[in-house]
Amino acid sequence: MIAFSDHRAAAMAVLTSGANLRPREGQFLGGLAFDANPPTEKQANWLRILLNKHGLPPLADGGDA
């Protein structure tokens, strides 16, 4: 499984995976997917949780998330 190199690609992958997302999760991922700024540690942690929950690859170590 290849890890995501950046937070934007990871967020888009969850959004387009067909996952059954809660409204707040979708709002969070949509904002993250279009924000070029690195996420905060709290945002990066939530993204990691959502990637794991939906069976997607993790964020790469040393990536911008």
PDB file of N, CA and C in Angstrom:
ATOM      1  N   MET A   1       0.844  -1.170   0.000  1.00  0.00           N
ATOM      2  CA  MET A   1       0.000   0.000   0.000  1.00  0.00           C
ATOM      3  C   MET A   1       0.897   1.244   0.000  1.00  0.00           C
ATOM      4  N   ILE A   2       0.722   2.112  -0.964  1.00  0.00           N
ATOM      5  CA  ILE A   2       1.527   3.318  -1.079  1.00  0.00           C
ATOM      6  C   ILE A   2       0.887   4.426  -0.240  1.00  0.00           C
ATOM      7  N   ALA A   3       1.707   5.092   0.555  1.00  0.00           N
ATOM      8  CA  ALA A   3       1.229   6.160   1.427  1.00  0.00           C
ATOM      9  C   ALA A   3       1.005   7.448   0.639  1.00  0.00           C
ATOM     10  N   PHE A   4       0.106   8.275   1.128  1.00  0.00           N
ATOM     11  CA  PHE A   4      -0.146   9.581   0.525  1.00  0.00           C
ATOM     12  C   PHE A   4       0.992  10.532   0.900  1.00  0.00           C
ATOM     13  N   SER A   5       1.467  11.283  -0.084  1.00  0.00           N
ATOM     14  CA  SER A   5       2.582  12.193   0.168  1.00  0.00           C
ATOM     15  C   SER A   5       2.131  13.546   0.711  1.00  0.00           C
ATOM     16  N   ASP A   6       0.867  13.891   0.515  1.00  0.00           N
ATOM     17  CA  ASP A   6       0.398  15.173   1.047  1.00  0.00           C
ATOM     18  C   ASP A   6      -1.051  15.083   1.505  1.00  0.00           C
ATOM     19  N   HIS A   7      -1.420  16.029   2.362  1.00  0.00           N
ATOM     20  CA  HIS A   7      -2.745  16.026   2.973  1.00  0.00           C
ATOM     21  C   HIS A   7      -3.859  16.257   1.963  1.00  0.00           C
ATOM     22  N   ARG A   8      -3.592  17.044   0.932  1.00  0.00           N
ATOM     23  CA  ARG A   8      -4.635  17.359  -0.048  1.00  0.00           C
ATOM     24  C   ARG A   8      -5.042  16.111  -0.828  1.00  0.00           C
ATOM     25  N   ALA A   9      -4.072  15.341  -1.272  1.00  0.00           N
ATOM     26  CA  ALA A   9      -4.370  14.109  -2.005  1.00  0.00           C
ATOM     27  C   ALA A   9      -5.091  13.103  -1.110  1.00  0.00           C
ATOM     28  N   ALA A  10      -4.669  13.025   0.138  1.00  0.00           N
ATOM     29  CA  ALA A  10      -5.298  12.095   1.075  1.00  0.00           C
ATOM     30  C   ALA A  10      -6.760  12.479   1.318  1.00  0.00           C
ATOM     31  N   ALA A  11      -7.022  13.761   1.518  1.00  0.00           N
ATOM     32  CA  ALA A  11      -8.397  14.216   1.754  1.00  0.00           C
ATOM     33  C   ALA A  11      -9.275  13.948   0.534  1.00  0.00           C
ATOM     34  N   MET A  12      -8.754  14.231  -0.658  1.00  0.00           N
ATOM     35  CA  MET A  12      -9.522  13.974  -1.881  1.00  0.00           C
ATOM     36  C   MET A  12      -9.819  12.487  -2.043  1.00  0.00           C
ATOM     37  N   ALA A  13      -8.866  11.651  -1.667  1.00  0.00           N
ATOM     38  CA  ALA A  13      -9.065  10.205  -1.786  1.00  0.00           C
ATOM     39  C   ALA A  13     -10.222   9.737  -0.912  1.00  0.00           C
ATOM     40  N   VAL A  14     -10.309  10.256   0.297  1.00  0.00           N
ATOM     41  CA  VAL A  14     -11.423   9.874   1.174  1.00  0.00           C
ATOM     42  C   VAL A  14     -12.737  10.379   0.583  1.00  0.00           C
ATOM     43  N   LEU A  15     -12.743  11.618   0.115  1.00  0.00           N
ATOM     44  CA  LEU A  15     -13.966  12.191  -0.448  1.00  0.00           C
ATOM     45  C   LEU A  15     -14.463  11.416  -1.664  1.00  0.00           C
ATOM     46  N   THR A  16     -13.569  10.944  -2.483  1.00  0.00           N
ATOM     47  CA  THR A  16     -13.956  10.270  -3.724  1.00  0.00           C
ATOM     48  C   THR A  16     -14.007   8.753  -3.605  1.00  0.00           C
ATOM     49  N   SER A  17     -13.793   8.237  -2.412  1.00  0.00           N
ATOM     50  CA  SER A  17     -13.762   6.783  -2.224  1.00  0.00           C
ATOM     51  C   SER A  17     -15.143   6.139  -2.154  1.00  0.00           C
ATOM     52  N   GLY A  18     -16.171   6.958  -2.046  1.00  0.00           N
ATOM     53  CA  GLY A  18     -17.510   6.412  -1.890  1.00  0.00           C
ATOM     54  C   GLY A  18     -17.827   6.076  -0.450  1.00  0.00           C
ATOM     55  N   ALA A  19     -16.958   6.508   0.457  1.00  0.00           N
ATOM     56  CA  ALA A  19     -17.161   6.250   1.885  1.00  0.00           C
ATOM     57  C   ALA A  19     -18.421   6.962   2.371  1.00  0.00           C
ATOM     58  N   ASN A  20     -19.082   6.341   3.320  1.00  0.00           N
ATOM     59  CA  ASN A  20     -20.260   6.945   3.938  1.00  0.00           C
ATOM     60  C   ASN A  20     -19.773   7.916   5.007  1.00  0.00           C
ATOM     61  N   LEU A  21     -19.680   9.191   4.630  1.00  0.00           N
ATOM     62  CA  LEU A  21     -19.142  10.202   5.529  1.00  0.00           C
ATOM     63  C   LEU A  21     -20.244  10.943   6.270  1.00  0.00           C
ATOM     64  N   ARG A  22     -19.944  11.339   7.479  1.00  0.00           N
ATOM     65  CA  ARG A  22     -20.836  12.228   8.226  1.00  0.00           C
ATOM     66  C   ARG A  22     -20.649  13.638   7.663  1.00  0.00           C
ATOM     67  N   PRO A  23     -21.661  14.492   7.783  1.00  0.00           N
ATOM     68  CA  PRO A  23     -21.529  15.853   7.238  1.00  0.00           C
ATOM     69  C   PRO A  23     -20.283  16.591   7.727  1.00  0.00           C
ATOM     70  N   ARG A  24     -19.985  16.478   8.988  1.00  0.00           N
ATOM     71  CA  ARG A  24     -18.807  17.176   9.532  1.00  0.00           C
ATOM     72  C   ARG A  24     -17.511  16.625   8.944  1.00  0.00           C
ATOM     73  N   GLU A  25     -17.450  15.314   8.714  1.00  0.00           N
ATOM     74  CA  GLU A  25     -16.267  14.726   8.094  1.00  0.00           C
ATOM     75  C   GLU A  25     -16.094  15.237   6.669  1.00  0.00           C
ATOM     76  N   GLY A  26     -17.193  15.295   5.914  1.00  0.00           N
ATOM     77  CA  GLY A  26     -17.134  15.790   4.544  1.00  0.00           C
ATOM     78  C   GLY A  26     -16.710  17.250   4.485  1.00  0.00           C
ATOM     79  N   GLN A  27     -17.231  18.048   5.386  1.00  0.00           N
ATOM     80  CA  GLN A  27     -16.872  19.462   5.442  1.00  0.00           C
ATOM     81  C   GLN A  27     -15.388  19.620   5.762  1.00  0.00           C
ATOM     82  N   PHE A  28     -14.920  18.864   6.720  1.00  0.00           N
ATOM     83  CA  PHE A  28     -13.504  18.902   7.103  1.00  0.00           C
ATOM     84  C   PHE A  28     -12.612  18.497   5.926  1.00  0.00           C
ATOM     85  N   LEU A  29     -12.942  17.382   5.288  1.00  0.00           N
ATOM     86  CA  LEU A  29     -12.124  16.886   4.187  1.00  0.00           C
ATOM     87  C   LEU A  29     -12.145  17.835   2.993  1.00  0.00           C
ATOM     88  N   GLY A  30     -13.306  18.405   2.703  1.00  0.00           N
ATOM     89  CA  GLY A  30     -13.402  19.353   1.599  1.00  0.00           C
ATOM     90  C   GLY A  30     -12.525  20.572   1.830  1.00  0.00           C
ATOM     91  N   GLY A  31     -12.559  21.089   3.030  1.00  0.00           N
ATOM     92  CA  GLY A  31     -11.711  22.234   3.350  1.00  0.00           C
ATOM     93  C   GLY A  31     -10.239  21.881   3.282  1.00  0.00           C
ATOM     94  N   LEU A  32      -9.892  20.718   3.785  1.00  0.00           N
ATOM     95  CA  LEU A  32      -8.502  20.276   3.797  1.00  0.00           C
ATOM     96  C   LEU A  32      -7.990  20.009   2.386  1.00  0.00           C
ATOM     97  N   ALA A  33      -8.848  19.480   1.532  1.00  0.00           N
ATOM     98  CA  ALA A  33      -8.444  19.151   0.166  1.00  0.00           C
ATOM     99  C   ALA A  33      -8.075  20.384  -0.644  1.00  0.00           C
ATOM    100  N   PHE A  34      -8.630  21.526  -0.309  1.00  0.00           N
ATOM    101  CA  PHE A  34      -8.383  22.732  -1.089  1.00  0.00           C
ATOM    102  C   PHE A  34      -7.535  23.759  -0.352  1.00  0.00           C
ATOM    103  N   ASP A  35      -7.012  23.407   0.810  1.00  0.00           N
ATOM    104  CA  ASP A  35      -6.168  24.313   1.586  1.00  0.00           C
ATOM    105  C   ASP A  35      -4.706  23.937   1.362  1.00  0.00           C
ATOM    106  N   ALA A  36      -3.945  24.839   0.758  1.00  0.00           N
ATOM    107  CA  ALA A  36      -2.539  24.562   0.465  1.00  0.00           C
ATOM    108  C   ALA A  36      -1.664  24.626   1.715  1.00  0.00           C
ATOM    109  N   ASN A  37      -2.154  25.256   2.773  1.00  0.00           N
ATOM    110  CA  ASN A  37      -1.373  25.335   4.006  1.00  0.00           C
ATOM    111  C   ASN A  37      -1.310  23.973   4.680  1.00  0.00           C
ATOM    112  N   PRO A  38      -0.184  23.657   5.300  1.00  0.00           N
ATOM    113  CA  PRO A  38      -0.102  22.389   6.035  1.00  0.00           C
ATOM    114  C   PRO A  38      -1.155  22.345   7.146  1.00  0.00           C
ATOM    115  N   PRO A  39      -1.723  21.176   7.383  1.00  0.00           N
ATOM    116  CA  PRO A  39      -2.722  21.072   8.459  1.00  0.00           C
ATOM    117  C   PRO A  39      -2.066  21.183   9.826  1.00  0.00           C
ATOM    118  N   THR A  40      -2.868  21.561  10.802  1.00  0.00           N
ATOM    119  CA  THR A  40      -2.383  21.552  12.186  1.00  0.00           C
ATOM    120  C   THR A  40      -2.207  20.093  12.601  1.00  0.00           C
ATOM    121  N   GLU A  41      -1.581  19.869  13.720  1.00  0.00           N
ATOM    122  CA  GLU A  41      -1.398  18.496  14.202  1.00  0.00           C
ATOM    123  C   GLU A  41      -2.750  17.836  14.475  1.00  0.00           C
ATOM    124  N   LYS A  42      -3.697  18.613  15.002  1.00  0.00           N
ATOM    125  CA  LYS A  42      -5.037  18.084  15.270  1.00  0.00           C
ATOM    126  C   LYS A  42      -5.730  17.678  13.968  1.00  0.00           C
ATOM    127  N   GLN A  43      -5.613  18.517  12.933  1.00  0.00           N
ATOM    128  CA  GLN A  43      -6.210  18.192  11.632  1.00  0.00           C
ATOM    129  C   GLN A  43      -5.535  16.963  11.021  1.00  0.00           C
ATOM    130  N   ALA A  44      -4.218  16.913  11.094  1.00  0.00           N
ATOM    131  CA  ALA A  44      -3.486  15.771  10.539  1.00  0.00           C
ATOM    132  C   ALA A  44      -3.886  14.480  11.247  1.00  0.00           C
ATOM    133  N   ASN A  45      -4.086  14.559  12.550  1.00  0.00           N
ATOM    134  CA  ASN A  45      -4.495  13.377  13.308  1.00  0.00           C
ATOM    135  C   ASN A  45      -5.875  12.908  12.877  1.00  0.00           C
ATOM    136  N   TRP A  46      -6.822  13.835  12.711  1.00  0.00           N
ATOM    137  CA  TRP A  46      -8.168  13.458  12.278  1.00  0.00           C
ATOM    138  C   TRP A  46      -8.127  12.864  10.875  1.00  0.00           C
ATOM    139  N   LEU A  47      -7.290  13.430  10.019  1.00  0.00           N
ATOM    140  CA  LEU A  47      -7.151  12.877   8.673  1.00  0.00           C
ATOM    141  C   LEU A  47      -6.619  11.450   8.739  1.00  0.00           C
ATOM    142  N   ARG A  48      -5.632  11.207   9.577  1.00  0.00           N
ATOM    143  CA  ARG A  48      -5.098   9.840   9.739  1.00  0.00           C
ATOM    144  C   ARG A  48      -6.189   8.888  10.211  1.00  0.00           C
ATOM    145  N   ILE A  49      -7.015   9.326  11.140  1.00  0.00           N
ATOM    146  CA  ILE A  49      -8.113   8.500  11.651  1.00  0.00           C
ATOM    147  C   ILE A  49      -9.082   8.159  10.528  1.00  0.00           C
ATOM    148  N   LEU A  50      -9.452   9.165   9.713  1.00  0.00           N
ATOM    149  CA  LEU A  50     -10.402   8.932   8.628  1.00  0.00           C
ATOM    150  C   LEU A  50      -9.817   8.024   7.553  1.00  0.00           C
ATOM    151  N   LEU A  51      -8.538   8.184   7.246  1.00  0.00           N
ATOM    152  CA  LEU A  51      -7.898   7.296   6.265  1.00  0.00           C
ATOM    153  C   LEU A  51      -7.961   5.848   6.758  1.00  0.00           C
ATOM    154  N   ASN A  52      -7.614   5.648   8.005  1.00  0.00           N
ATOM    155  CA  ASN A  52      -7.633   4.309   8.577  1.00  0.00           C
ATOM    156  C   ASN A  52      -9.057   3.741   8.616  1.00  0.00           C
ATOM    157  N   LYS A  53     -10.000   4.555   9.031  1.00  0.00           N
ATOM    158  CA  LYS A  53     -11.400   4.128   9.153  1.00  0.00           C
ATOM    159  C   LYS A  53     -11.960   3.640   7.821  1.00  0.00           C
ATOM    160  N   HIS A  54     -11.530   4.263   6.734  1.00  0.00           N
ATOM    161  CA  HIS A  54     -12.074   3.926   5.421  1.00  0.00           C
ATOM    162  C   HIS A  54     -11.133   3.047   4.591  1.00  0.00           C
ATOM    163  N   GLY A  55     -10.132   2.448   5.248  1.00  0.00           N
ATOM    164  CA  GLY A  55      -9.265   1.485   4.600  1.00  0.00           C
ATOM    165  C   GLY A  55      -8.347   2.046   3.523  1.00  0.00           C
ATOM    166  N   LEU A  56      -7.970   3.297   3.666  1.00  0.00           N
ATOM    167  CA  LEU A  56      -7.087   3.934   2.690  1.00  0.00           C
ATOM    168  C   LEU A  56      -5.655   3.964   3.232  1.00  0.00           C
ATOM    169  N   PRO A  57      -4.685   4.136   2.333  1.00  0.00           N
ATOM    170  CA  PRO A  57      -3.286   4.184   2.785  1.00  0.00           C
ATOM    171  C   PRO A  57      -3.049   5.329   3.766  1.00  0.00           C
ATOM    172  N   PRO A  58      -2.017   5.214   4.570  1.00  0.00           N
ATOM    173  CA  PRO A  58      -1.712   6.274   5.546  1.00  0.00           C
ATOM    174  C   PRO A  58      -1.011   7.446   4.879  1.00  0.00           C
ATOM    175  N   LEU A  59      -0.765   8.485   5.666  1.00  0.00           N
ATOM    176  CA  LEU A  59       0.064   9.583   5.218  1.00  0.00           C
ATOM    177  C   LEU A  59       1.522   9.144   5.292  1.00  0.00           C
ATOM    178  N   ALA A  60       2.329   9.585   4.340  1.00  0.00           N
ATOM    179  CA  ALA A  60       3.743   9.231   4.334  1.00  0.00           C
ATOM    180  C   ALA A  60       4.457   9.935   5.481  1.00  0.00           C
ATOM    181  N   ASP A  61       5.376   9.251   6.091  1.00  0.00           N
ATOM    182  CA  ASP A  61       6.204   9.885   7.124  1.00  0.00           C
ATOM    183  C   ASP A  61       7.029  10.966   6.450  1.00  0.00           C
ATOM    184  N   GLY A  62       7.096  12.105   7.089  1.00  0.00           N
ATOM    185  CA  GLY A  62       7.863  13.207   6.528  1.00  0.00           C
ATOM    186  C   GLY A  62       7.087  14.009   5.503  1.00  0.00           C
ATOM    187  N   GLY A  63       5.827  13.629   5.229  1.00  0.00           N
ATOM    188  CA  GLY A  63       5.003  14.399   4.303  1.00  0.00           C
ATOM    189  C   GLY A  63       4.559  15.690   4.951  1.00  0.00           C
ATOM    190  N   ASP A  64       3.775  16.480   4.249  1.00  0.00           N
ATOM    191  CA  ASP A  64       3.364  17.763   4.806  1.00  0.00           C
ATOM    192  C   ASP A  64       2.100  17.658   5.653  1.00  0.00           C
ATOM    193  N   ALA A  65       1.798  16.473   6.101  1.00  0.00           N
ATOM    194  CA  ALA A  65       0.670  16.292   7.007  1.00  0.00           C
ATOM    195  C   ALA A  65       1.192  15.577   8.190  1.00  0.00           C
TER     196      ALA A  65
END
